[in-house]
Amino acid sequence: QSCIGKIDNLIPSLVTLALKHLQKAEKDHYRVNLVALVESCIYYDPILAIRAIGENSLKPFFEVWFETLDYHYALAEQKVAFCALCRFLRFSPSELPPFLNEIRPQILSKIVVLLKSIDEIKKAVENLRKEKKERNEKARMKEFGNINEYDDSDSDDDDLYGRNLPKDVPEERDVVTQQEGSNEASTGYTSALTAITNDGEVKPYGGLNEFSFDGSDAENSDGSEMDDDVDTPLDFIDEFAFLYKNVSEAKPEAQQAFQEAATPLPAETRQALEFAFNQGQARAKNLA
């Protein structure tokens, strides 16, 4: 967002390049990276990105995008997807192609699912950091002879990259990535989201954990390691406040479209969305 107005001329080329390679990409992680490039362009300027995609290509792209959300394991990947989807909420129906207006309920549904997933990732990262801090403290005490024995027998097995993951986080869902600062969403929000199931979603293109490109297990297909010490500008974005700002700062027609799109969603999803919106309003005031 710090580049607004400075790279407008690059957006069409970036989108075209990503879509060109996406047609031939076979590896799941490579597909996610290409989709993430388009997501970043949408986050930068949705209208420019949509024009670059082309109205006739919107449906196939969104099919791939919604399906690849299953493979957005890293926190940064999920946050850029979330931010890109939220950006559409700023626009009134007359400003968007008909297809995007048709899938507004699905966009809202995916936003709610991503909020829940981001919340879970943050908690897993925070727990991992606490465990790491405790291990380091034990090691320091042992080094200086303050304890007789350093017992690390209760720690979890290292994953294939040598990192120690919490027991409740499967290795293929390794989400140790770039998040500093406040990492906890409210208990009420988590409870509201927990009630949501894939069966309850409006999902013409499939829900999360439902689609696989090549039948392979959910994992980074190129075997690459996620760096857990890299900071990004997305670290400073509060998801709840971001959702609230994109709706509250939109034109009245866009706000009406937001309300109408939420109507066909399951009751649990609507409740979670309403809670997230109210939470975002409170957080936006605190951040002001």
Protein backbone atom coordinates (compact mmCIF):
# COMPACT_ATOMS: atom_id res chain seq x y z
CA GLN A 1 0.00 0.00 0.00
CA SER A 2 3.01 2.30 0.36
CA CYS A 3 3.41 2.07 -3.42
CA ILE A 4 -0.07 3.36 -4.27
CA GLY A 5 0.06 5.28 -7.54
CA LYS A 6 3.71 4.41 -8.16
CA ILE A 7 3.46 1.05 -9.95
CA ASP A 8 0.12 1.27 -11.76
CA ASN A 9 1.82 0.62 -15.08
CA LEU A 10 3.29 -2.66 -13.78
CA ILE A 11 0.04 -4.25 -12.60
CA PRO A 12 -1.17 -5.50 -16.03
CA SER A 13 2.21 -7.10 -16.76
CA LEU A 14 2.41 -8.77 -13.35
CA VAL A 15 -1.11 -10.17 -13.59
CA THR A 16 -0.61 -11.39 -17.16
CA LEU A 17 2.68 -13.06 -16.26
CA ALA A 18 1.15 -14.82 -13.25
CA LEU A 19 -1.88 -16.08 -15.19
CA LYS A 20 0.30 -17.31 -18.04
CA HIS A 21 2.40 -19.50 -15.75
CA LEU A 22 -0.61 -20.52 -13.65
CA GLN A 23 -2.07 -22.34 -16.66
CA LYS A 24 0.96 -24.64 -16.79
CA ALA A 25 1.90 -24.83 -13.11
CA GLU A 26 1.73 -28.31 -11.58
CA LYS A 27 3.21 -27.90 -8.11
CA ASP A 28 0.79 -26.77 -5.42
CA HIS A 29 3.22 -24.34 -3.81
CA TYR A 30 4.06 -22.82 -7.19
CA ARG A 31 0.36 -22.31 -7.89
CA VAL A 32 -0.06 -20.60 -4.53
CA ASN A 33 2.85 -18.27 -5.26
CA LEU A 34 1.39 -17.31 -8.64
CA VAL A 35 -2.07 -16.76 -7.17
CA ALA A 36 -0.47 -14.73 -4.37
CA LEU A 37 1.08 -12.43 -6.98
CA VAL A 38 -2.39 -11.72 -8.40
CA GLU A 39 -3.74 -11.33 -4.85
CA SER A 40 -1.08 -8.71 -4.19
CA CYS A 41 -2.11 -6.84 -7.33
CA ILE A 42 -5.76 -6.94 -6.24
CA TYR A 43 -4.75 -5.69 -2.80
CA TYR A 44 -2.85 -2.85 -4.48
CA ASP A 45 -5.68 -1.86 -6.84
CA PRO A 46 -8.67 -4.18 -7.41
CA ILE A 47 -9.96 -2.36 -10.49
CA LEU A 48 -6.59 -2.40 -12.26
CA ALA A 49 -6.12 -6.06 -11.43
CA ILE A 50 -9.62 -7.03 -12.62
CA ARG A 51 -9.06 -5.26 -15.92
CA ALA A 52 -5.77 -7.09 -16.34
CA ILE A 53 -7.40 -10.45 -15.61
CA GLY A 54 -10.13 -9.75 -18.16
CA GLU A 55 -13.87 -10.16 -17.60
CA ASN A 56 -13.96 -13.44 -19.54
CA SER A 57 -11.22 -14.89 -17.35
CA LEU A 58 -12.63 -13.88 -13.98
CA LYS A 59 -14.64 -17.04 -13.38
CA PRO A 60 -11.81 -19.52 -14.08
CA PHE A 61 -9.39 -17.42 -12.03
CA PHE A 62 -11.70 -17.25 -9.03
CA GLU A 63 -12.29 -20.99 -9.26
CA VAL A 64 -8.55 -21.57 -9.01
CA TRP A 65 -8.15 -18.88 -6.34
CA PHE A 66 -10.83 -20.28 -4.04
CA GLU A 67 -9.50 -23.80 -4.53
CA THR A 68 -5.89 -22.85 -3.79
CA LEU A 69 -6.91 -21.34 -0.45
CA ASP A 70 -6.52 -24.92 0.79
CA TYR A 71 -2.80 -24.53 0.19
CA HIS A 72 -2.33 -21.11 1.76
CA TYR A 73 -0.49 -22.51 4.79
CA ALA A 74 1.70 -19.58 5.75
CA LEU A 75 0.35 -16.64 7.70
CA ALA A 76 1.53 -14.11 5.11
CA GLU A 77 -0.17 -16.10 2.33
CA GLN A 78 -3.48 -16.13 4.16
CA LYS A 79 -3.28 -12.46 5.11
CA VAL A 80 -2.66 -11.27 1.56
CA ALA A 81 -5.60 -13.41 0.36
CA PHE A 82 -7.78 -11.97 3.12
CA CYS A 83 -6.76 -8.38 2.35
CA ALA A 84 -7.35 -8.86 -1.37
CA LEU A 85 -10.87 -10.21 -0.82
CA CYS A 86 -11.71 -7.41 1.61
CA ARG A 87 -10.73 -4.80 -0.98
CA PHE A 88 -13.69 -5.81 -3.17
CA LEU A 89 -16.07 -4.74 -0.40
CA ARG A 90 -15.21 -1.08 -1.04
CA PHE A 91 -16.90 -1.07 -4.44
CA SER A 92 -20.55 -0.68 -5.35
CA PRO A 93 -22.16 -3.14 -7.79
CA SER A 94 -21.93 -0.63 -10.64
CA GLU A 95 -18.14 -0.47 -10.25
CA LEU A 96 -17.54 -4.21 -10.54
CA PRO A 97 -18.18 -6.76 -13.31
CA PRO A 98 -21.46 -8.72 -12.96
CA PHE A 99 -19.62 -11.91 -12.06
CA LEU A 100 -18.05 -10.37 -8.96
CA ASN A 101 -21.43 -9.15 -7.80
CA GLU A 102 -22.80 -12.67 -8.21
CA ILE A 103 -20.14 -14.18 -5.96
CA ARG A 104 -20.23 -11.57 -3.19
CA PRO A 105 -21.68 -14.16 -0.76
CA GLN A 106 -18.81 -16.54 -1.54
CA ILE A 107 -16.30 -13.73 -1.01
CA LEU A 108 -17.78 -13.02 2.42
CA SER A 109 -17.77 -16.73 3.26
CA LYS A 110 -14.08 -17.06 2.36
CA ILE A 111 -13.26 -13.95 4.39
CA VAL A 112 -14.81 -15.56 7.47
CA VAL A 113 -12.95 -18.85 6.90
CA LEU A 114 -9.65 -16.99 6.47
CA LEU A 115 -10.24 -15.00 9.66
CA LYS A 116 -10.68 -18.24 11.60
CA SER A 117 -7.59 -19.80 10.01
CA ILE A 118 -5.45 -16.72 10.64
CA ASP A 119 -6.55 -16.71 14.28
CA GLU A 120 -5.53 -20.38 14.65
CA ILE A 121 -2.15 -19.74 13.03
CA LYS A 122 -1.40 -16.82 15.32
CA LYS A 123 -2.16 -18.91 18.38
CA ALA A 124 0.02 -21.76 17.12
CA VAL A 125 2.90 -19.35 16.47
CA GLU A 126 2.51 -17.77 19.89
CA ASN A 127 2.51 -21.18 21.60
CA LEU A 128 5.59 -22.20 19.65
CA ARG A 129 7.43 -19.05 20.68
CA LYS A 130 6.56 -19.65 24.31
CA GLU A 131 7.87 -23.21 24.10
CA LYS A 132 11.03 -22.02 22.39
CA LYS A 133 11.57 -19.40 25.08
CA GLU A 134 11.15 -22.03 27.81
CA ARG A 135 13.61 -24.38 26.12
CA ASN A 136 16.15 -21.61 25.73
CA GLU A 137 15.77 -20.68 29.39
CA LYS A 138 16.30 -24.30 30.47
CA ALA A 139 19.36 -24.54 28.25
CA ARG A 140 20.75 -21.32 29.70
CA MET A 141 20.20 -22.51 33.25
CA LYS A 142 21.87 -25.83 32.50
CA GLU A 143 24.84 -24.08 30.93
CA PHE A 144 25.42 -22.07 34.08
CA GLY A 145 24.93 -25.07 36.32
CA ASN A 146 21.67 -23.92 37.91
CA ILE A 147 19.90 -27.20 37.21
CA ASN A 148 21.25 -30.74 37.20
CA GLU A 149 19.60 -31.98 34.07
CA TYR A 150 17.89 -30.47 31.06
CA ASP A 151 14.93 -32.68 30.31
CA ASP A 152 13.52 -32.01 26.90
CA SER A 153 11.82 -35.36 26.57
CA ASP A 154 8.36 -33.80 26.50
CA SER A 155 9.08 -31.61 23.52
CA ASP A 156 7.58 -32.40 20.17
CA ASP A 157 9.43 -34.06 17.34
CA ASP A 158 11.24 -31.72 14.99
CA ASP A 159 9.71 -31.38 11.57
CA LEU A 160 11.76 -32.18 8.52
CA TYR A 161 13.32 -28.69 8.62
CA GLY A 162 14.49 -29.10 12.20
CA ARG A 163 11.83 -26.86 13.71
CA ASN A 164 9.80 -27.96 16.70
CA LEU A 165 6.07 -27.80 16.08
CA PRO A 166 3.23 -27.86 18.62
CA LYS A 167 1.56 -31.27 18.92
CA ASP A 168 -1.76 -29.96 17.66
CA VAL A 169 -0.34 -28.53 14.43
CA PRO A 170 0.23 -31.20 11.72
CA GLU A 171 3.53 -30.90 9.93
CA GLU A 172 1.87 -30.42 6.57
CA ARG A 173 0.14 -27.41 8.06
CA ASP A 174 3.39 -25.86 9.21
CA VAL A 175 2.42 -22.27 9.76
CA VAL A 176 5.44 -20.85 11.55
CA THR A 177 5.75 -17.54 9.76
CA GLN A 178 5.96 -13.81 10.02
CA GLN A 179 3.84 -12.47 12.86
CA GLU A 180 4.94 -10.20 15.66
CA GLY A 181 2.88 -8.12 18.05
CA SER A 182 -0.69 -8.83 19.06
CA ASN A 183 -1.60 -12.41 18.14
CA GLU A 184 -4.84 -13.12 19.99
CA ALA A 185 -8.42 -12.73 18.75
CA SER A 186 -11.22 -12.64 21.26
CA THR A 187 -12.64 -15.85 22.70
CA GLY A 188 -16.10 -14.89 21.52
CA TYR A 189 -14.94 -14.55 17.94
CA THR A 190 -13.20 -17.92 18.01
CA SER A 191 -16.35 -19.53 19.41
CA ALA A 192 -18.47 -17.92 16.73
CA LEU A 193 -16.20 -19.16 13.97
CA THR A 194 -15.79 -22.67 15.38
CA ALA A 195 -19.45 -23.37 14.63
CA ILE A 196 -18.90 -22.87 10.89
CA THR A 197 -18.59 -26.02 8.79
CA ASN A 198 -17.86 -26.55 5.13
CA ASP A 199 -21.36 -27.98 4.70
CA GLY A 200 -22.80 -24.70 5.87
CA GLU A 201 -20.85 -22.53 3.47
CA VAL A 202 -22.10 -21.11 0.20
CA LYS A 203 -19.36 -22.54 -1.96
CA PRO A 204 -19.99 -23.07 -5.68
CA TYR A 205 -16.29 -23.69 -6.24
CA GLY A 206 -15.60 -25.93 -3.26
CA GLY A 207 -14.68 -25.22 0.34
CA LEU A 208 -11.38 -25.28 2.14
CA ASN A 209 -9.79 -28.72 2.66
CA GLU A 210 -11.92 -30.10 -0.15
CA PHE A 211 -9.88 -29.79 -3.32
CA SER A 212 -6.53 -31.12 -4.46
CA PHE A 213 -4.98 -30.29 -7.81
CA ASP A 214 -3.21 -33.58 -8.28
CA GLY A 215 -4.42 -35.82 -5.46
CA SER A 216 -1.31 -35.13 -3.41
CA ASP A 217 -1.39 -34.46 0.30
CA ALA A 218 -1.57 -30.87 1.48
CA GLU A 219 2.03 -29.82 1.67
CA ASN A 220 4.51 -27.47 0.09
CA SER A 221 5.16 -29.47 -3.01
CA ASP A 222 8.56 -27.95 -3.70
CA GLY A 223 9.79 -28.80 -0.21
CA SER A 224 10.72 -25.21 0.48
CA GLU A 225 11.00 -23.89 4.01
CA MET A 226 8.98 -21.01 5.37
CA ASP A 227 11.10 -18.45 7.17
CA ASP A 228 9.64 -17.70 10.59
CA ASP A 229 11.76 -14.65 11.27
CA VAL A 230 10.87 -12.45 8.29
CA ASP A 231 8.81 -9.32 8.90
CA THR A 232 6.41 -8.01 6.26
CA PRO A 233 4.16 -4.94 6.05
CA LEU A 234 1.20 -7.30 6.50
CA ASP A 235 2.32 -7.92 10.09
CA PHE A 236 1.02 -4.51 11.04
CA ILE A 237 -2.46 -5.03 9.61
CA ASP A 238 -5.20 -5.89 12.08
CA GLU A 239 -7.58 -8.14 10.15
CA PHE A 240 -10.68 -7.09 12.05
CA ALA A 241 -9.97 -3.37 11.65
CA PHE A 242 -9.11 -3.89 7.97
CA LEU A 243 -12.45 -5.59 7.32
CA TYR A 244 -14.33 -2.85 9.15
CA LYS A 245 -12.55 -0.01 7.33
CA ASN A 246 -13.17 -1.46 3.89
CA VAL A 247 -16.90 -1.66 4.59
CA SER A 248 -17.39 1.49 6.67
CA GLU A 249 -15.42 3.70 4.26
CA ALA A 250 -17.25 2.36 1.21
CA LYS A 251 -20.01 4.15 -0.63
CA PRO A 252 -23.59 3.60 0.61
CA GLU A 253 -24.30 1.39 -2.41
CA ALA A 254 -21.34 -0.82 -1.53
CA GLN A 255 -22.43 -1.07 2.10
CA GLN A 256 -25.90 -2.10 0.96
CA ALA A 257 -24.39 -4.72 -1.32
CA PHE A 258 -22.39 -6.03 1.66
CA GLN A 259 -25.57 -6.47 3.70
CA GLU A 260 -27.43 -8.11 0.83
CA ALA A 261 -24.55 -10.53 0.15
CA ALA A 262 -24.59 -11.66 3.78
CA THR A 263 -28.30 -12.52 3.69
CA PRO A 264 -28.03 -15.95 1.96
CA LEU A 265 -25.13 -17.08 4.18
CA PRO A 266 -25.72 -19.64 6.95
CA ALA A 267 -26.71 -18.13 10.29
CA GLU A 268 -23.39 -19.10 11.91
CA THR A 269 -21.43 -17.37 9.16
CA ARG A 270 -23.55 -14.23 9.41
CA GLN A 271 -23.07 -14.15 13.18
CA ALA A 272 -19.32 -14.58 12.84
CA LEU A 273 -19.21 -11.84 10.20
CA GLU A 274 -21.22 -9.48 12.37
CA PHE A 275 -19.00 -10.21 15.36
CA ALA A 276 -15.85 -9.62 13.25
CA PHE A 277 -17.28 -6.32 11.98
CA ASN A 278 -18.07 -5.11 15.52
CA GLN A 279 -14.68 -6.27 16.74
CA GLY A 280 -13.07 -4.37 13.87
CA GLN A 281 -14.98 -1.21 14.77
CA ALA A 282 -13.63 -1.34 18.33
CA ARG A 283 -10.09 -2.07 17.19
CA ALA A 284 -10.15 0.66 14.55
CA LYS A 285 -11.00 3.18 17.28
CA ASN A 286 -8.11 1.96 19.39
CA LEU A 287 -5.73 2.18 16.44
CA ALA A 288 -6.87 5.70 15.50
